Amino acid sequence: MTAEADTPDPSDHPVTGLNEVVHQRVRLGILAIAHEARRVEFGYLRTQLDLTAGNLSKHLTVLETAGLIDIEKGYEGKRGRTWITLTPEGRTALAEEIGRLKVLIARVETTTEGK
């Protein structure tokens, strides 16, 4: 907050720290599922997030380029498979995003309670 008229300082607002790569709904879902599963198969992500294969591939490319996930291609029997795992940077980015969201929620709940 600034001293003038108790207006919030925009640089202090939790949304200014949200990571555009992580915060996008599908990518946040990918990171959360990969965190829970440790290693997740492409088809499982596609089903859980209700995406087309092409759409999921584009989001995975963004996350891989940012260094947040590793993509491993291989075979299970004769079928080609793609597995996704979080990198240490991905775990950090997810934790930071969740932390920012918690701060944002706390601010909204505190402001709402007083009205």
C-alpha atoms as a PDB file:
ATOM      1  CA  MET A   1       0.000   0.000   0.000  1.00  0.00           C
ATOM      2  CA  THR A   2       1.138   3.509  -0.664  1.00  0.00           C
ATOM      3  CA  ALA A   3       0.702   6.251   1.891  1.00  0.00           C
ATOM      4  CA  GLU A   4      -1.543   8.238  -0.420  1.00  0.00           C
ATOM      5  CA  ALA A   5      -5.192   7.258   0.034  1.00  0.00           C
ATOM      6  CA  ASP A   6      -4.252   3.694   1.004  1.00  0.00           C
ATOM      7  CA  THR A   7      -3.989   2.664  -2.626  1.00  0.00           C
ATOM      8  CA  PRO A   8      -2.084  -0.550  -3.254  1.00  0.00           C
ATOM      9  CA  ASP A   9       1.381  -0.299  -4.763  1.00  0.00           C
ATOM     10  CA  PRO A  10       1.064  -2.326  -8.016  1.00  0.00           C
ATOM     11  CA  SER A  11       4.561  -3.763  -7.610  1.00  0.00           C
ATOM     12  CA  ASP A  12       3.473  -5.351  -4.313  1.00  0.00           C
ATOM     13  CA  HIS A  13       0.497  -7.190  -5.762  1.00  0.00           C
ATOM     14  CA  PRO A  14       0.916 -10.987  -5.918  1.00  0.00           C
ATOM     15  CA  VAL A  15      -0.281 -11.193  -9.532  1.00  0.00           C
ATOM     16  CA  THR A  16       2.787  -9.277 -10.699  1.00  0.00           C
ATOM     17  CA  GLY A  17       4.904 -12.289  -9.777  1.00  0.00           C
ATOM     18  CA  LEU A  18       2.821 -14.917 -11.550  1.00  0.00           C
ATOM     19  CA  ASN A  19       4.837 -16.804 -14.150  1.00  0.00           C
ATOM     20  CA  GLU A  20       3.146 -16.526 -17.566  1.00  0.00           C
ATOM     21  CA  VAL A  21       4.537 -19.890 -18.675  1.00  0.00           C
ATOM     22  CA  VAL A  22       3.345 -21.703 -15.548  1.00  0.00           C
ATOM     23  CA  HIS A  23       0.115 -19.840 -14.865  1.00  0.00           C
ATOM     24  CA  GLN A  24      -1.671 -20.752 -18.083  1.00  0.00           C
ATOM     25  CA  ARG A  25      -4.442 -23.221 -17.118  1.00  0.00           C
ATOM     26  CA  VAL A  26      -3.295 -26.225 -19.164  1.00  0.00           C
ATOM     27  CA  ARG A  27       0.386 -25.804 -18.322  1.00  0.00           C
ATOM     28  CA  LEU A  28      -0.395 -25.418 -14.624  1.00  0.00           C
ATOM     29  CA  GLY A  29      -2.406 -28.643 -14.885  1.00  0.00           C
ATOM     30  CA  ILE A  30       0.471 -30.446 -16.612  1.00  0.00           C
ATOM     31  CA  LEU A  31       2.924 -29.368 -13.920  1.00  0.00           C
ATOM     32  CA  ALA A  32       0.547 -30.288 -11.091  1.00  0.00           C
ATOM     33  CA  ILE A  33      -0.173 -33.748 -12.503  1.00  0.00           C
ATOM     34  CA  ALA A  34       3.517 -34.374 -13.241  1.00  0.00           C
ATOM     35  CA  HIS A  35       4.352 -33.328  -9.679  1.00  0.00           C
ATOM     36  CA  GLU A  36       1.784 -35.747  -8.244  1.00  0.00           C
ATOM     37  CA  ALA A  37       2.772 -38.642 -10.506  1.00  0.00           C
ATOM     38  CA  ARG A  38       6.570 -38.089 -10.649  1.00  0.00           C
ATOM     39  CA  ARG A  39       6.448 -39.492 -14.229  1.00  0.00           C
ATOM     40  CA  VAL A  40       3.336 -39.213 -16.348  1.00  0.00           C
ATOM     41  CA  GLU A  41       2.437 -40.655 -19.741  1.00  0.00           C
ATOM     42  CA  PHE A  42       1.282 -38.377 -22.567  1.00  0.00           C
ATOM     43  CA  GLY A  43      -2.030 -40.207 -23.031  1.00  0.00           C
ATOM     44  CA  TYR A  44      -2.884 -39.863 -19.349  1.00  0.00           C
ATOM     45  CA  LEU A  45      -2.276 -36.107 -19.479  1.00  0.00           C
ATOM     46  CA  ARG A  46      -4.339 -35.807 -22.660  1.00  0.00           C
ATOM     47  CA  THR A  47      -7.274 -37.605 -21.040  1.00  0.00           C
ATOM     48  CA  GLN A  48      -7.087 -35.856 -17.671  1.00  0.00           C
ATOM     49  CA  LEU A  49      -6.855 -32.381 -19.192  1.00  0.00           C
ATOM     50  CA  ASP A  50      -9.341 -33.128 -21.999  1.00  0.00           C
ATOM     51  CA  LEU A  51      -7.004 -31.981 -24.773  1.00  0.00           C
ATOM     52  CA  THR A  52      -6.218 -32.998 -28.308  1.00  0.00           C
ATOM     53  CA  ALA A  53      -2.805 -34.539 -28.870  1.00  0.00           C
ATOM     54  CA  GLY A  54      -1.717 -31.505 -30.894  1.00  0.00           C
ATOM     55  CA  ASN A  55      -2.809 -29.028 -28.239  1.00  0.00           C
ATOM     56  CA  LEU A  56      -1.052 -30.961 -25.477  1.00  0.00           C
ATOM     57  CA  SER A  57       2.103 -31.239 -27.605  1.00  0.00           C
ATOM     58  CA  LYS A  58       2.240 -27.458 -28.016  1.00  0.00           C
ATOM     59  CA  HIS A  59       1.961 -26.883 -24.262  1.00  0.00           C
ATOM     60  CA  LEU A  60       4.605 -29.532 -23.563  1.00  0.00           C
ATOM     61  CA  THR A  61       6.949 -27.811 -26.009  1.00  0.00           C
ATOM     62  CA  VAL A  62       6.536 -24.499 -24.161  1.00  0.00           C
ATOM     63  CA  LEU A  63       7.284 -26.163 -20.822  1.00  0.00           C
ATOM     64  CA  GLU A  64      10.235 -28.119 -22.205  1.00  0.00           C
ATOM     65  CA  THR A  65      11.717 -25.007 -23.849  1.00  0.00           C
ATOM     66  CA  ALA A  66      11.426 -23.194 -20.510  1.00  0.00           C
ATOM     67  CA  GLY A  67      13.320 -26.053 -18.858  1.00  0.00           C
ATOM     68  CA  LEU A  68      10.413 -27.008 -16.595  1.00  0.00           C
ATOM     69  CA  ILE A  69       9.876 -30.572 -17.859  1.00  0.00           C
ATOM     70  CA  ASP A  70      11.833 -33.371 -19.468  1.00  0.00           C
ATOM     71  CA  ILE A  71      10.239 -35.405 -22.235  1.00  0.00           C
ATOM     72  CA  GLU A  72      11.312 -39.018 -22.724  1.00  0.00           C
ATOM     73  CA  LYS A  73      10.239 -41.032 -25.735  1.00  0.00           C
ATOM     74  CA  GLY A  74      10.409 -44.791 -25.763  1.00  0.00           C
ATOM     75  CA  TYR A  75       8.455 -47.979 -26.133  1.00  0.00           C
ATOM     76  CA  GLU A  76       6.227 -50.014 -23.902  1.00  0.00           C
ATOM     77  CA  GLY A  77       6.059 -53.303 -25.708  1.00  0.00           C
ATOM     78  CA  LYS A  78       5.646 -52.366 -29.356  1.00  0.00           C
ATOM     79  CA  ARG A  79       3.778 -49.131 -28.680  1.00  0.00           C
ATOM     80  CA  GLY A  80       5.539 -45.788 -28.733  1.00  0.00           C
ATOM     81  CA  ARG A  81       5.168 -43.819 -25.507  1.00  0.00           C
ATOM     82  CA  THR A  82       6.044 -40.353 -24.288  1.00  0.00           C
ATOM     83  CA  TRP A  83       6.679 -39.685 -20.600  1.00  0.00           C
ATOM     84  CA  ILE A  84       6.895 -36.327 -18.885  1.00  0.00           C
ATOM     85  CA  THR A  85       8.790 -35.539 -15.674  1.00  0.00           C
ATOM     86  CA  LEU A  86       9.362 -32.280 -13.837  1.00  0.00           C
ATOM     87  CA  THR A  87      12.852 -30.861 -13.738  1.00  0.00           C
ATOM     88  CA  PRO A  88      14.137 -29.304 -10.507  1.00  0.00           C
ATOM     89  CA  GLU A  89      13.404 -25.920 -12.122  1.00  0.00           C
ATOM     90  CA  GLY A  90       9.860 -27.100 -12.832  1.00  0.00           C
ATOM     91  CA  ARG A  91       9.330 -28.079  -9.197  1.00  0.00           C
ATOM     92  CA  THR A  92      10.599 -24.674  -8.092  1.00  0.00           C
ATOM     93  CA  ALA A  93       8.448 -22.798 -10.601  1.00  0.00           C
ATOM     94  CA  LEU A  94       5.339 -24.743  -9.545  1.00  0.00           C
ATOM     95  CA  ALA A  95       6.029 -24.121  -5.845  1.00  0.00           C
ATOM     96  CA  GLU A  96       6.561 -20.396  -6.470  1.00  0.00           C
ATOM     97  CA  GLU A  97       3.346 -20.168  -8.490  1.00  0.00           C
ATOM     98  CA  ILE A  98       1.357 -21.939  -5.759  1.00  0.00           C
ATOM     99  CA  GLY A  99       2.909 -19.612  -3.173  1.00  0.00           C
ATOM    100  CA  ARG A 100       1.877 -16.523  -5.167  1.00  0.00           C
ATOM    101  CA  LEU A 101      -1.648 -17.894  -5.577  1.00  0.00           C
ATOM    102  CA  LYS A 102      -1.901 -18.489  -1.819  1.00  0.00           C
ATOM    103  CA  VAL A 103      -0.875 -14.879  -1.157  1.00  0.00           C
ATOM    104  CA  LEU A 104      -3.441 -13.673  -3.690  1.00  0.00           C
ATOM    105  CA  ILE A 105      -6.197 -15.790  -2.123  1.00  0.00           C
ATOM    106  CA  ALA A 106      -5.305 -14.540   1.360  1.00  0.00           C
ATOM    107  CA  ARG A 107      -5.489 -10.919   0.156  1.00  0.00           C
ATOM    108  CA  VAL A 108      -8.878 -11.462  -1.458  1.00  0.00           C
ATOM    109  CA  GLU A 109     -10.253 -13.269   1.594  1.00  0.00           C
ATOM    110  CA  THR A 110      -8.954 -10.565   3.966  1.00  0.00           C
ATOM    111  CA  THR A 111     -10.495  -7.811   1.819  1.00  0.00           C
ATOM    112  CA  THR A 112     -13.797  -9.695   1.499  1.00  0.00           C
ATOM    113  CA  GLU A 113     -14.131 -10.319   5.240  1.00  0.00           C
ATOM    114  CA  GLY A 114     -14.089  -6.611   6.034  1.00  0.00           C
ATOM    115  CA  LYS A 115     -17.066  -5.809   3.787  1.00  0.00           C
END
